[in-house]
C-alpha cells in the first residue's frame, strides 16, 4: 500500500524529524516536494500553493493506481503504532475514510485512506476546482463529500486523532491534549505555524509515552480545565456506517432567549461608539421600542422566556421601560440588561421598577472612579449621578428583600483611566457589584481611542494576560469578542423596529423583520440566515449578501481558521448540568488513587 504526502520547505523538518522517524508500517512511501516557499502559515500564499499542489498529487495518484488503495498524510504527524491493518479494515465497503477533525463530524483532509475509483476521482477533481477559488481544501471537501451521495465516506477510529478531534479547540488555547486509549497516530492540526506545531507534537509525544496512570491523570485534568464530550460519543460517531451531516441550524429557530433592543438612542457622546458618531442612526435608525410592540412580540413568541434589553442605545431612555418590566414579570419572562447601560438618566420610579419586577441583572458601564476621569470617555455623563442611582437600586433591593438585579461594574480600560482601576474595584465592592475590566474596542468602530499605557497592569487586571484585543488574538488565535457570533443561534438580536440583526455587532444588514415577515422563526429559517450560519461554521465560503463579510470578527475567523464548532452551541464542551464541585472532588480523589498506584508499581519494580 502506498503512503503519499506532499511537503513544502517550511514543513520539511516535520517530514524528517516526525513523519519518517516515527512511521511503523512498511508502506511504499511516496513524498513529493512543493515549490512553495514561505513560512507555511495558514491561508498565506505559500500555504495555498502547497494545498493546490496537494490536490493535484492526490488526483494523479488516483489516476495512476486505479482500483488500488492508498493513504494520504500531512507531514505534521506522529505515528505511535501500526496503522495499515486498521485502515484496511475501515475501508471495507467505503471509498474514503478520514481522521475525525472535530466532534461536529468534520472530516480531516490531512490524513485519510482512499480507494482509487471513478467516485473518488470525481470528488477530488471537484475539490481541486473549489480549492483554486477558495484557497483551501478542507471546507470544500466536507461540503462536496456530503453533497455527492454516491461517495461512501467514513471515519477512522479515534485512535487516529488530532488536537481538535475531542474538543474542536485550538492549541495553545487548549493547553492540554486528550489522549485516547491505544493511540496509533497524532496529527498536529488545530494550531497555526511551525513553532506551534512542533510544540504540540513534543507535548503529545511526552504524554503518550507516559505510563497509563499518567495518561489517565492527564485526561482527567484536561476534562476539568477545558470540558469535552465523552470519548464514548466520539467512538459512536466514528463507528457509524455514514458520516454525519453538518449541524442542523433549524434546531435553533425557536430560541428561548433573545436580545430585543429597547433603544438605539443615547444621550452620551462616547468617542468610539458608532451610536454617538451617527453610524447607527444611518444604518439601522434611531428609535425606541414601544410597549405595544413588546407585548406583541411576547404574544407571538410564547417560547421566549429570557430577553436581553440593551445593545446600541441607552435602555433607560425608553419611557415605556417600567411598563415593559411589569408586563414581562406578569408573563414570567426574565429580563436582563447585560450588554450595558450608562445609568446616567433614570427616575426613582424606574429604579424601583427594576427591583420590584425582578430585572435579573444590570451591567453599568463606568470607566473611571471620578468625574474627571469618567467623563473623558463617557462624554456628557455624570459620575456622581450614576453612583447615586446604584445606591438607590441597592436601597430598593433592601426594601423589597430582593437579590435582583445582580449588579455588575464594567470598566473599559483606557490609557487615561487605568490608574483608577483599583479605586473603582474598591467602590464596586462597597456597592455590592461584580467588577470586570474589559479591553477597549481598539479600531473595531474607528480609530483607537486612548490606548493603554501600563500594559503589564492591564494584562494582570484583564485576567487574560493580554493588554489589548490585538494581543488577545495573537495569543489565542481568535477575536476577543468571537463569542458574539454564537448569538445567531443562542440569543439572536432584534432591533427596536423588529429587524433581525442576529448579533450585537451587526448594523450593516438584517435577516428579516419579526413584525412584518411572519415572526422570528421565519426569519431564522430564512436562506440568508442559514448561509450566514454555514459561513461562521466554516462549511461554506463567504456570501456577499451576508452582513458578516463586513465584520472584523469574521475576517479573524478566516485568518485563524477559528470557526464556530457545534459543541459550542449545544453545551457539549461546557459540562453543563453537572455539579462542578462534585466533579472536581471525584476527579482529584481518582487522580490521587492513580498516583498512589503508580508509586506502588515503582516500589515493586525496585524490589
Protein backbone atom coordinates (compact mmCIF):
# COMPACT_ATOMS: atom_id res chain seq x y z
CA UNK A 1 0.00 0.00 0.00
CA UNK A 2 1.29 3.45 -0.90
CA UNK A 3 1.61 6.27 1.61
CA UNK A 4 1.52 9.58 -0.23
CA UNK A 5 2.38 13.03 1.10
CA UNK A 6 3.48 16.46 -0.02
CA UNK A 7 5.62 18.99 1.80
CA UNK A 8 6.97 22.49 1.34
CA UNK A 9 10.30 23.83 2.56
CA UNK A 10 8.71 25.14 5.76
CA UNK A 11 7.41 21.66 6.65
CA UNK A 12 10.44 19.61 5.64
CA UNK A 13 11.51 19.42 9.28
CA UNK A 14 8.26 17.58 10.08
CA UNK A 15 8.98 15.07 7.31
CA UNK A 16 12.39 14.18 8.66
CA UNK A 17 12.00 14.54 12.42
CA UNK A 18 8.46 13.27 12.93
CA UNK A 19 6.78 11.64 9.93
CA UNK A 20 9.56 9.32 8.67
CA UNK A 21 11.24 8.82 12.04
CA UNK A 22 8.10 7.53 13.76
CA UNK A 23 6.49 5.59 10.87
CA UNK A 24 5.81 1.97 11.96
CA UNK A 25 4.49 0.24 8.79
CA UNK A 26 6.17 -0.97 5.61
CA UNK A 27 4.30 1.41 3.28
CA UNK A 28 5.59 2.29 -0.16
CA UNK A 29 6.33 5.90 0.79
CA UNK A 30 5.88 8.49 -1.97
CA UNK A 31 6.64 12.04 -0.83
CA UNK A 32 6.57 15.00 -3.21
CA UNK A 33 8.24 18.37 -2.53
CA UNK A 34 6.26 21.50 -3.35
CA UNK A 35 7.94 24.54 -4.83
CA UNK A 36 6.09 26.79 -2.36
CA UNK A 37 8.44 29.00 -0.34
CA UNK A 38 7.45 30.76 2.86
CA UNK A 39 6.58 30.17 6.49
CA UNK A 40 3.71 27.79 5.79
CA UNK A 41 1.18 29.75 7.85
CA UNK A 42 -2.50 29.12 7.29
CA UNK A 43 -4.01 30.88 4.23
CA UNK A 44 -0.77 32.64 3.29
CA UNK A 45 0.25 32.49 -0.39
CA UNK A 46 2.80 29.67 0.01
CA UNK A 47 0.35 27.64 2.11
CA UNK A 48 -2.34 27.94 -0.56
CA UNK A 49 0.17 26.99 -3.26
CA UNK A 50 1.07 23.83 -1.31
CA UNK A 51 -2.63 22.95 -0.89
CA UNK A 52 -3.22 23.23 -4.63
CA UNK A 53 -0.16 21.04 -5.25
CA UNK A 54 -1.55 18.50 -2.77
CA UNK A 55 -4.87 18.21 -4.67
CA UNK A 56 -3.02 17.72 -7.94
CA UNK A 57 -0.89 14.92 -6.48
CA UNK A 58 -3.91 13.15 -4.97
CA UNK A 59 -5.68 13.21 -8.34
CA UNK A 60 -2.52 11.98 -10.09
CA UNK A 61 -2.15 9.12 -7.59
CA UNK A 62 -5.78 8.08 -8.09
CA UNK A 63 -5.32 8.02 -11.87
CA UNK A 64 -2.07 6.01 -11.73
CA UNK A 65 -3.25 3.48 -9.14
CA UNK A 66 -6.72 2.62 -10.42
CA UNK A 67 -8.58 0.07 -8.27
CA UNK A 68 -5.98 0.21 -5.51
CA UNK A 69 -5.98 1.76 -2.05
CA UNK A 70 -3.52 4.36 -0.78
CA UNK A 71 -3.09 6.61 2.24
CA UNK A 72 -2.51 10.34 2.18
CA UNK A 73 -0.86 12.06 5.15
CA UNK A 74 0.33 15.55 6.02
CA UNK A 75 3.83 15.76 7.44
CA UNK A 76 2.95 17.16 10.90
CA UNK A 77 2.11 13.66 12.12
CA UNK A 78 3.42 11.49 14.97
CA UNK A 79 2.98 7.73 14.49
CA UNK A 80 2.62 5.79 17.74
CA UNK A 81 1.72 2.35 16.42
CA UNK A 82 1.00 0.39 13.23
CA UNK A 83 -1.82 1.81 11.10
CA UNK A 84 -2.11 -0.30 7.96
CA UNK A 85 -4.28 -3.15 9.26
CA UNK A 86 -6.79 -0.82 10.88
CA UNK A 87 -7.02 1.33 7.75
CA UNK A 88 -7.65 -1.69 5.51
CA UNK A 89 -10.42 -2.85 7.83
CA UNK A 90 -12.07 0.61 7.91
CA UNK A 91 -12.07 0.80 4.10
CA UNK A 92 -14.26 -2.27 3.71
CA UNK A 93 -17.33 -1.06 1.81
CA UNK A 94 -16.02 2.51 1.72
CA UNK A 95 -14.43 4.78 -0.89
CA UNK A 96 -12.65 7.05 1.57
CA UNK A 97 -12.09 7.11 5.34
CA UNK A 98 -10.66 10.12 7.16
CA UNK A 99 -9.41 11.17 10.55
CA UNK A 100 -12.22 12.81 12.54
CA UNK A 101 -11.38 16.51 12.62
CA UNK A 102 -13.72 17.64 15.40
CA UNK A 103 -16.74 16.48 17.42
CA UNK A 104 -19.01 18.10 14.84
CA UNK A 105 -18.22 15.25 12.44
CA UNK A 106 -15.98 17.13 10.01
CA UNK A 107 -13.52 15.02 8.04
CA UNK A 108 -9.83 15.89 8.08
CA UNK A 109 -8.05 16.10 4.71
CA UNK A 110 -4.68 15.86 6.46
CA UNK A 111 -4.90 12.09 6.98
CA UNK A 112 -7.14 9.70 5.06
CA UNK A 113 -7.22 6.46 3.07
CA UNK A 114 -8.85 6.38 -0.36
CA UNK A 115 -9.87 3.84 -2.94
CA UNK A 116 -8.85 4.92 -6.45
CA UNK A 117 -12.05 4.79 -8.50
CA UNK A 118 -14.46 6.94 -10.51
CA UNK A 119 -16.19 8.34 -7.45
CA UNK A 120 -13.07 9.50 -5.60
CA UNK A 121 -11.55 10.88 -8.80
CA UNK A 122 -14.65 13.00 -9.39
CA UNK A 123 -14.66 14.08 -5.73
CA UNK A 124 -11.06 15.28 -5.76
CA UNK A 125 -11.40 16.94 -9.14
CA UNK A 126 -14.25 19.00 -7.72
CA UNK A 127 -12.24 19.71 -4.58
CA UNK A 128 -9.37 20.88 -6.78
CA UNK A 129 -11.63 23.31 -8.64
CA UNK A 130 -13.05 24.64 -5.38
CA UNK A 131 -9.56 24.98 -3.89
CA UNK A 132 -8.44 27.09 -6.83
CA UNK A 133 -11.15 29.62 -5.89
CA UNK A 134 -11.24 29.26 -2.12
CA UNK A 135 -7.55 28.76 -1.35
CA UNK A 136 -8.09 25.75 0.94
CA UNK A 137 -9.37 22.21 0.55
CA UNK A 138 -10.94 21.05 3.80
CA UNK A 139 -14.09 23.16 3.80
CA UNK A 140 -14.72 22.34 0.15
CA UNK A 141 -14.05 18.64 0.76
CA UNK A 142 -16.54 18.44 3.65
CA UNK A 143 -19.14 20.27 1.60
CA UNK A 144 -18.68 18.14 -1.50
CA UNK A 145 -18.35 14.74 0.15
CA UNK A 146 -21.80 15.28 1.69
CA UNK A 147 -23.31 16.66 -1.49
CA UNK A 148 -22.09 13.68 -3.58
CA UNK A 149 -24.41 10.94 -2.35
CA UNK A 150 -22.55 8.31 -4.34
CA UNK A 151 -19.42 8.72 -2.19
CA UNK A 152 -19.17 6.08 0.54
CA UNK A 153 -17.27 8.03 3.19
CA UNK A 154 -16.42 7.10 6.75
CA UNK A 155 -14.23 7.85 9.73
CA UNK A 156 -11.06 6.30 11.01
CA UNK A 157 -11.33 5.30 14.69
CA UNK A 158 -10.43 7.84 17.41
CA UNK A 159 -7.02 6.20 17.81
CA UNK A 160 -6.23 8.33 14.72
CA UNK A 161 -6.67 11.73 16.34
CA UNK A 162 -5.62 15.34 16.25
CA UNK A 163 -5.73 18.33 18.55
CA UNK A 164 -9.35 19.06 17.67
CA UNK A 165 -10.79 15.54 17.49
CA UNK A 166 -12.19 15.50 21.02
CA UNK A 167 -12.88 19.24 21.55
CA UNK A 168 -12.52 21.27 18.35
CA UNK A 169 -10.32 23.67 20.33
CA UNK A 170 -7.19 25.42 19.13
CA UNK A 171 -3.72 24.93 20.59
CA UNK A 172 -2.34 26.64 22.68
CA UNK A 173 -5.73 27.96 23.88
CA UNK A 174 -6.39 24.36 24.88
CA UNK A 175 -3.07 23.69 26.57
CA UNK A 176 -3.72 20.03 27.39
CA UNK A 177 -4.24 17.21 24.91
CA UNK A 178 -6.74 14.40 25.34
CA UNK A 179 -5.14 11.01 24.61
CA UNK A 180 -7.49 8.16 23.59
CA UNK A 181 -6.92 4.55 24.53
CA UNK A 182 -4.38 2.77 22.32
CA UNK A 183 -3.41 5.75 20.11
CA UNK A 184 -1.73 4.98 16.79
CA UNK A 185 -1.42 8.40 15.12
CA UNK A 186 -1.46 12.02 16.28
CA UNK A 187 -1.96 14.91 13.86
CA UNK A 188 -0.75 18.38 14.94
CA UNK A 189 -3.70 20.28 13.49
CA UNK A 190 -5.85 22.97 15.12
CA UNK A 191 -2.85 25.23 15.52
CA UNK A 192 -1.00 27.71 13.30
CA UNK A 193 2.70 27.99 12.48
CA UNK A 194 5.70 25.66 12.51
CA UNK A 195 6.70 26.56 16.08
CA UNK A 196 3.25 25.83 17.47
CA UNK A 197 3.00 22.55 15.58
CA UNK A 198 6.43 21.46 16.85
CA UNK A 199 5.46 22.31 20.44
CA UNK A 200 2.21 20.39 20.01
CA UNK A 201 3.98 17.29 18.67
CA UNK A 202 6.53 17.43 21.51
CA UNK A 203 3.77 17.65 24.09
CA UNK A 204 1.75 14.82 22.54
CA UNK A 205 4.78 12.55 22.45
CA UNK A 206 5.62 13.24 26.11
CA UNK A 207 2.09 12.43 27.26
CA UNK A 208 1.67 9.34 25.07
CA UNK A 209 4.95 7.82 26.30
CA UNK A 210 3.90 8.14 29.95
CA UNK A 211 2.72 5.13 31.93
CA UNK A 212 -1.04 4.55 31.91
CA UNK A 213 -1.71 6.27 35.28
CA UNK A 214 0.00 9.39 33.96
CA UNK A 215 -2.10 9.42 30.78
CA UNK A 216 -5.32 8.90 32.75
CA UNK A 217 -4.40 11.75 35.10
CA UNK A 218 -3.67 13.98 32.10
CA UNK A 219 -7.08 13.24 30.60
CA UNK A 220 -8.88 13.94 33.86
CA UNK A 221 -7.19 17.31 34.28
CA UNK A 222 -7.93 18.05 30.62
CA UNK A 223 -11.65 17.50 31.15
CA UNK A 224 -11.66 19.63 34.30
CA UNK A 225 -9.96 22.53 32.58
CA UNK A 226 -11.48 22.52 29.11
CA UNK A 227 -14.54 20.31 29.18
CA UNK A 228 -15.23 17.89 26.35
CA UNK A 229 -17.75 15.46 25.07
CA UNK A 230 -17.17 11.94 26.28
CA UNK A 231 -14.87 9.54 24.40
CA UNK A 232 -17.86 7.23 24.08
CA UNK A 233 -19.66 9.82 21.93
CA UNK A 234 -16.63 10.08 19.63
CA UNK A 235 -16.39 6.29 19.41
CA UNK A 236 -20.08 6.02 18.49
CA UNK A 237 -19.66 8.74 15.88
CA UNK A 238 -16.68 7.08 14.19
CA UNK A 239 -18.27 3.62 14.26
CA UNK A 240 -21.25 4.72 12.21
CA UNK A 241 -21.75 3.49 8.67
CA UNK A 242 -22.23 7.05 7.40
CA UNK A 243 -20.59 10.37 8.10
CA UNK A 244 -22.66 12.95 9.92
CA UNK A 245 -24.38 15.77 8.11
CA UNK A 246 -23.42 19.27 9.18
CA UNK A 247 -25.17 20.66 12.21
CA UNK A 248 -28.84 21.43 11.61
CA UNK A 249 -29.24 25.17 12.05
CA UNK A 250 -33.03 24.73 12.18
CA UNK A 251 -32.57 23.31 15.68
CA UNK A 252 -32.30 26.94 16.85
CA UNK A 253 -35.26 28.60 15.12
CA UNK A 254 -37.22 28.84 18.39
CA UNK A 255 -34.62 30.11 20.87
CA UNK A 256 -35.77 30.58 24.46
CA UNK A 257 -33.51 33.62 24.77
CA UNK A 258 -33.37 36.69 22.51
CA UNK A 259 -32.00 40.23 22.62
CA UNK A 260 -34.60 42.91 21.90
CA UNK A 261 -33.07 46.39 21.76
CA UNK A 262 -35.33 48.80 23.65
CA UNK A 263 -33.44 51.86 22.39
CA UNK A 264 -30.86 52.86 19.81
CA UNK A 265 -30.75 56.40 21.20
CA UNK A 266 -28.17 57.59 23.71
CA UNK A 267 -27.54 60.89 25.46
CA UNK A 268 -23.77 60.34 25.82
CA UNK A 269 -21.14 61.02 23.15
CA UNK A 270 -18.55 58.28 23.73
CA UNK A 271 -15.77 58.76 21.12
CA UNK A 272 -15.50 55.11 19.96
CA UNK A 273 -19.24 54.38 19.89
CA UNK A 274 -20.97 54.17 16.49
CA UNK A 275 -24.19 55.36 18.12
CA UNK A 276 -22.51 58.58 19.24
CA UNK A 277 -20.85 59.13 15.85
CA UNK A 278 -24.15 58.74 13.97
CA UNK A 279 -23.28 55.47 12.22
CA UNK A 280 -26.12 53.55 13.89
CA UNK A 281 -28.70 56.22 13.02
CA UNK A 282 -27.73 55.94 9.35
CA UNK A 283 -27.69 52.14 9.23
CA UNK A 284 -30.50 50.85 11.49
CA UNK A 285 -32.12 54.07 12.68
CA UNK A 286 -32.59 55.85 15.99
CA UNK A 287 -35.67 54.81 17.86
CA UNK A 288 -37.45 53.31 20.87
CA UNK A 289 -39.37 50.02 21.14
CA UNK A 290 -42.93 50.87 22.27
CA UNK A 291 -44.76 48.81 24.86
CA UNK A 292 -47.33 47.68 22.27
CA UNK A 293 -44.66 46.05 20.11
CA UNK A 294 -43.04 44.42 23.16
CA UNK A 295 -46.41 42.93 24.11
CA UNK A 296 -46.94 41.83 20.51
CA UNK A 297 -43.55 40.10 20.44
CA UNK A 298 -44.24 38.12 23.62
CA UNK A 299 -47.71 37.20 22.41
CA UNK A 300 -46.41 35.84 19.09
CA UNK A 301 -43.33 34.12 20.57
CA UNK A 302 -44.55 32.26 23.67
CA UNK A 303 -41.45 30.05 23.78
CA UNK A 304 -39.21 33.07 24.60
CA UNK A 305 -38.52 33.14 28.35
CA UNK A 306 -35.39 35.31 28.63
CA UNK A 307 -34.71 38.69 26.96
CA UNK A 308 -31.65 40.96 26.87
CA UNK A 309 -32.81 44.59 26.52
CA UNK A 310 -29.64 46.53 25.69
CA UNK A 311 -27.26 46.96 22.81
CA UNK A 312 -26.86 50.09 20.65
CA UNK A 313 -28.54 52.65 22.91
CA UNK A 314 -29.46 53.53 26.48
CA UNK A 315 -32.31 51.38 27.82
CA UNK A 316 -33.33 53.92 30.44
CA UNK A 317 -34.28 56.44 27.74
CA UNK A 318 -37.26 54.24 26.85
CA UNK A 319 -40.27 55.87 28.53
CA UNK A 320 -42.13 52.54 28.49
CA UNK A 321 -39.41 50.73 30.46
CA UNK A 322 -41.43 50.48 33.69
CA UNK A 323 -44.43 49.05 31.83
CA UNK A 324 -42.21 46.64 29.88
CA UNK A 325 -40.65 45.37 33.11
CA UNK A 326 -44.10 44.89 34.66
CA UNK A 327 -45.55 43.11 31.61
CA UNK A 328 -42.62 40.69 31.37
CA UNK A 329 -42.84 39.99 35.09
CA UNK A 330 -46.54 39.15 34.77
CA UNK A 331 -45.78 36.76 31.89
CA UNK A 332 -42.85 35.17 33.81
CA UNK A 333 -40.27 36.29 31.23
CA UNK A 334 -36.83 37.10 32.66
CA UNK A 335 -35.29 40.42 31.54
CA UNK A 336 -31.65 41.48 31.61
CA UNK A 337 -29.50 44.50 30.80
CA UNK A 338 -26.20 42.66 30.47
CA UNK A 339 -24.78 44.40 27.43
CA UNK A 340 -24.71 47.58 29.45
CA UNK A 341 -26.40 50.80 30.50
CA UNK A 342 -24.79 54.10 31.39
CA UNK A 343 -27.47 54.62 34.07
CA UNK A 344 -26.97 58.39 33.81
CA UNK A 345 -30.68 59.21 33.37
CA UNK A 346 -33.26 57.27 35.36
CA UNK A 347 -36.24 58.24 37.51
CA UNK A 348 -36.67 56.92 41.02
CA UNK A 349 -39.86 55.20 39.83
CA UNK A 350 -37.99 53.24 37.14
CA UNK A 351 -35.14 52.38 39.52
CA UNK A 352 -37.74 50.91 41.87
CA UNK A 353 -39.31 49.00 38.97
CA UNK A 354 -36.07 47.21 38.07
CA UNK A 355 -36.12 45.76 41.61
CA UNK A 356 -39.88 45.35 42.04
CA UNK A 357 -40.25 43.44 38.75
CA UNK A 358 -37.10 41.35 39.18
CA UNK A 359 -34.80 42.56 36.40
CA UNK A 360 -32.32 39.68 36.61
CA UNK A 361 -29.07 41.58 36.04
CA UNK A 362 -27.76 45.02 35.20
CA UNK A 363 -24.33 45.90 33.84
CA UNK A 364 -23.28 49.52 34.36
CA UNK A 365 -20.62 50.97 32.07
CA UNK A 366 -18.48 53.11 34.37
CA UNK A 367 -14.97 53.78 33.06
CA UNK A 368 -13.49 55.73 35.94
CA UNK A 369 -13.67 56.35 39.68
CA UNK A 370 -14.07 60.14 39.48
CA UNK A 371 -15.99 62.63 37.37
CA UNK A 372 -12.75 63.96 35.89
CA UNK A 373 -11.64 60.60 34.52
CA UNK A 374 -15.09 59.10 33.85
CA UNK A 375 -16.20 61.98 31.61
CA UNK A 376 -13.18 61.73 29.29
CA UNK A 377 -14.82 58.79 27.53
CA UNK A 378 -18.42 58.98 28.82
CA UNK A 379 -18.84 62.47 27.44
CA UNK A 380 -21.88 64.29 28.92
CA UNK A 381 -22.09 61.69 31.70
CA UNK A 382 -22.29 62.49 35.41
CA UNK A 383 -20.32 60.03 37.55
CA UNK A 384 -21.86 61.05 40.89
CA UNK A 385 -25.39 60.71 39.47
CA UNK A 386 -24.65 57.21 38.21
CA UNK A 387 -23.30 56.12 41.60
CA UNK A 388 -26.33 57.62 43.33
CA UNK A 389 -28.63 55.63 41.02
CA UNK A 390 -26.80 52.44 42.01
CA UNK A 391 -27.24 53.33 45.67
CA UNK A 392 -30.98 53.82 45.10
CA UNK A 393 -31.22 50.39 43.43
CA UNK A 394 -29.48 48.86 46.45
CA UNK A 395 -31.89 50.66 48.76
CA UNK A 396 -34.85 49.25 46.86
CA UNK A 397 -33.30 45.77 46.93
CA UNK A 398 -33.15 46.05 50.70
CA UNK A 399 -36.73 47.37 50.84
CA UNK A 400 -38.10 44.52 48.69
CA UNK A 401 -35.71 41.96 50.21
CA UNK A 402 -34.65 41.02 46.69
CA UNK A 403 -31.40 39.76 45.23
CA UNK A 404 -32.34 41.25 41.87
CA UNK A 405 -30.92 42.81 39.84
CA UNK A 406 -27.40 41.39 40.19
CA UNK A 407 -25.18 44.43 39.59
CA UNK A 408 -22.01 44.48 37.53
CA UNK A 409 -19.49 47.32 37.08
CA UNK A 410 -17.96 47.16 33.61
CA UNK A 411 -14.72 49.13 33.39
CA UNK A 412 -13.33 49.60 29.86
CA UNK A 413 -9.55 50.01 30.23
CA UNK A 414 -8.00 53.04 28.52
CA UNK A 415 -4.73 54.86 28.87
CA UNK A 416 -6.44 57.77 30.63
CA UNK A 417 -8.26 55.68 33.26
CA UNK A 418 -6.00 52.71 34.03
CA UNK A 419 -4.68 54.40 37.20
CA UNK A 420 -8.19 54.38 38.74
CA UNK A 421 -8.91 50.67 38.30
CA UNK A 422 -8.02 49.76 41.89
CA UNK A 423 -10.14 52.58 43.29
CA UNK A 424 -13.09 51.63 41.08
CA UNK A 425 -12.79 47.99 42.14
CA UNK A 426 -12.95 49.02 45.79
CA UNK A 427 -16.02 51.19 45.13
CA UNK A 428 -17.72 48.30 43.32
CA UNK A 429 -17.12 46.10 46.35
CA UNK A 430 -18.72 48.68 48.63
CA UNK A 431 -21.73 48.85 46.31
CA UNK A 432 -22.14 45.07 46.15
CA UNK A 433 -21.21 44.93 42.45
CA UNK A 434 -19.19 42.42 40.50
CA UNK A 435 -16.22 44.21 38.90
CA UNK A 436 -14.99 43.44 35.40
CA UNK A 437 -12.19 45.01 33.34
CA UNK A 438 -12.97 44.97 29.64
CA UNK A 439 -10.43 45.53 26.87
CA UNK A 440 -11.14 48.67 24.85
CA UNK A 441 -12.53 48.46 21.33
CA UNK A 442 -9.24 49.38 19.57
CA UNK A 443 -10.19 50.05 15.94
CA UNK A 444 -13.40 47.96 15.88
CA UNK A 445 -15.55 51.03 15.24
CA UNK A 446 -12.96 53.57 14.09
CA UNK A 447 -9.65 54.98 15.25
CA UNK A 448 -8.22 53.66 18.52
CA UNK A 449 -9.11 55.93 21.45
CA UNK A 450 -6.71 56.42 24.38
CA UNK A 451 -4.59 53.22 24.07
CA UNK A 452 -3.40 51.71 27.36
CA UNK A 453 -0.03 52.82 28.70
CA UNK A 454 0.72 50.41 31.54
CA UNK A 455 0.37 47.21 29.57
CA UNK A 456 1.56 44.95 32.38
CA UNK A 457 -1.16 46.35 34.64
CA UNK A 458 -3.88 45.67 32.08
CA UNK A 459 -2.53 42.17 31.40
CA UNK A 460 -2.99 41.47 35.09
CA UNK A 461 -6.33 43.23 35.51
CA UNK A 462 -7.90 41.66 32.41
CA UNK A 463 -7.25 38.20 33.84
CA UNK A 464 -6.21 37.07 30.37
CA UNK A 465 -2.55 38.02 30.29
CA UNK A 466 -3.19 40.47 27.43
CA UNK A 467 -3.35 44.27 27.26
CA UNK A 468 -5.50 44.80 24.16
CA UNK A 469 -7.54 42.95 21.58
CA UNK A 470 -4.70 42.53 19.09
CA UNK A 471 -2.61 40.87 21.77
CA UNK A 472 -5.55 38.65 22.64
CA UNK A 473 -5.86 37.44 19.05
CA UNK A 474 -2.11 36.79 18.81
CA UNK A 475 -2.24 34.72 21.99
CA UNK A 476 -5.49 32.80 21.45
CA UNK A 477 -5.83 32.78 17.62
CA UNK A 478 -9.34 34.17 17.79
CA UNK A 479 -11.06 37.52 18.13
CA UNK A 480 -11.71 38.87 21.64
CA UNK A 481 -15.45 39.07 21.01
CA UNK A 482 -15.76 35.99 18.79
CA UNK A 483 -18.46 34.52 21.10
CA UNK A 484 -20.74 37.30 19.80
CA UNK A 485 -21.25 35.12 16.73
CA UNK A 486 -22.91 32.45 18.90
CA UNK A 487 -25.80 34.87 19.35
CA UNK A 488 -27.20 33.95 15.94
CA UNK A 489 -28.04 30.55 17.46
CA UNK A 490 -28.36 31.15 21.18
CA UNK A 491 -29.64 34.73 21.56
CA UNK A 492 -30.47 36.37 18.22
CA UNK A 493 -30.53 40.17 18.34
CA UNK A 494 -33.56 42.15 17.19
CA UNK A 495 -33.59 45.88 16.52
CA UNK A 496 -36.19 48.18 18.12
CA UNK A 497 -38.16 48.18 14.84
CA UNK A 498 -38.24 44.36 14.58
CA UNK A 499 -35.36 43.84 12.16
CA UNK A 500 -33.40 40.68 12.98
CA UNK A 501 -29.72 41.67 13.18
CA UNK A 502 -28.53 38.31 14.52
CA UNK A 503 -25.76 39.56 16.79
CA UNK A 504 -24.78 42.59 18.85
CA UNK A 505 -22.14 43.72 16.32
CA UNK A 506 -24.11 43.74 13.06
CA UNK A 507 -25.64 47.02 11.90
CA UNK A 508 -25.00 46.62 8.16
CA UNK A 509 -27.97 44.48 7.14
CA UNK A 510 -30.76 42.34 8.56
CA UNK A 511 -32.32 38.89 8.17
CA UNK A 512 -35.95 39.97 8.02
CA UNK A 513 -38.40 41.59 10.43
CA UNK A 514 -40.24 39.82 13.24
CA UNK A 515 -43.18 42.23 12.99
CA UNK A 516 -43.67 42.18 9.22
CA UNK A 517 -42.16 38.91 7.93
CA UNK A 518 -44.11 36.33 9.91
CA UNK A 519 -42.16 36.25 13.17
CA UNK A 520 -38.71 35.30 14.42
CA UNK A 521 -38.97 31.65 13.41
CA UNK A 522 -39.49 32.56 9.75
CA UNK A 523 -36.50 34.93 9.82
CA UNK A 524 -34.21 32.36 11.45
CA UNK A 525 -35.25 29.70 8.93
CA UNK A 526 -34.52 32.05 6.04
CA UNK A 527 -31.96 31.14 3.40
CA UNK A 528 -29.84 34.19 4.18
CA UNK A 529 -29.58 33.25 7.85
CA UNK A 530 -28.77 29.63 7.02
CA UNK A 531 -25.99 30.67 4.61
CA UNK A 532 -24.56 33.00 7.22
CA UNK A 533 -24.53 30.30 9.89
CA UNK A 534 -22.77 27.94 7.47
CA UNK A 535 -20.17 30.67 6.84
CA UNK A 536 -19.49 31.08 10.55
CA UNK A 537 -19.04 27.32 10.94
CA UNK A 538 -16.63 27.20 8.01
CA UNK A 539 -18.96 24.98 5.99
CA UNK A 540 -19.26 27.36 3.05
CA UNK A 541 -17.34 30.29 1.68
CA UNK A 542 -18.37 33.89 2.28
CA UNK A 543 -21.60 35.11 0.68
CA UNK A 544 -21.70 38.74 -0.35
CA UNK A 545 -25.30 39.12 0.85
CA UNK A 546 -24.33 38.29 4.44
CA UNK A 547 -23.54 41.21 6.77
CA UNK A 548 -20.71 39.13 8.26
CA UNK A 549 -18.47 39.82 5.26
CA UNK A 550 -18.13 43.40 6.57
CA UNK A 551 -17.21 42.31 10.09
CA UNK A 552 -13.73 42.13 11.64
CA UNK A 553 -14.72 39.07 13.64
CA UNK A 554 -15.47 37.05 10.51
CA UNK A 555 -12.18 38.24 8.97
CA UNK A 556 -10.43 36.96 12.09
CA UNK A 557 -12.20 33.59 11.76
CA UNK A 558 -10.94 33.24 8.20
CA UNK A 559 -7.43 34.28 9.16
CA UNK A 560 -7.15 31.93 12.15
CA UNK A 561 -9.34 29.08 10.89
CA UNK A 562 -11.30 29.60 14.12
CA UNK A 563 -14.80 28.55 13.11
CA UNK A 564 -17.77 28.01 15.37
CA UNK A 565 -17.95 24.37 16.44
CA UNK A 566 -21.24 22.50 17.02
CA UNK A 567 -20.32 21.60 20.59
CA UNK A 568 -20.01 25.30 21.43
CA UNK A 569 -23.66 25.72 20.55
CA UNK A 570 -25.18 22.74 22.30
CA UNK A 571 -23.18 22.86 25.52
CA UNK A 572 -21.19 19.69 24.90
CA UNK A 573 -17.88 21.31 25.80
CA UNK A 574 -19.03 23.12 28.90
CA UNK A 575 -20.11 20.24 31.10
CA UNK A 576 -23.45 21.95 31.59
CA UNK A 577 -25.78 20.44 34.13
CA UNK A 578 -23.02 18.90 36.20
CA UNK A 579 -22.09 19.83 39.72
CA UNK A 580 -18.61 21.24 39.14
CA UNK A 581 -17.51 20.99 42.75
CA UNK A 582 -18.61 17.36 42.93
CA UNK A 583 -16.86 16.55 39.66
CA UNK A 584 -13.70 18.26 40.86
CA UNK A 585 -13.71 16.36 44.14
CA UNK A 586 -14.26 12.99 42.47
CA UNK A 587 -11.56 13.65 39.91
CA UNK A 588 -9.00 14.77 42.48
CA UNK A 589 -9.66 11.63 44.51
CA UNK A 590 -9.27 9.47 41.39
CA UNK A 591 -6.01 11.19 40.43
CA UNK A 592 -4.75 10.59 43.97
CA UNK A 593 -5.57 6.88 43.69
CA UNK A 594 -3.78 6.65 40.34
CA UNK A 595 -0.75 8.45 41.73
CA UNK A 596 -0.53 6.10 44.74
CA UNK A 597 -0.96 3.08 42.46
CA UNK A 598 1.87 4.34 40.26
CA UNK A 599 4.12 4.77 43.29
CA UNK A 600 3.37 1.18 44.37
CA UNK A 601 4.30 -0.09 40.89
CA UNK A 602 7.58 1.84 41.10
CA UNK A 603 8.42 0.38 44.54
CA UNK A 604 7.57 -3.14 43.35
CA UNK A 605 9.80 -2.60 40.31
CA UNK A 606 12.72 -1.58 42.50
CA UNK A 607 12.26 -4.71 44.63
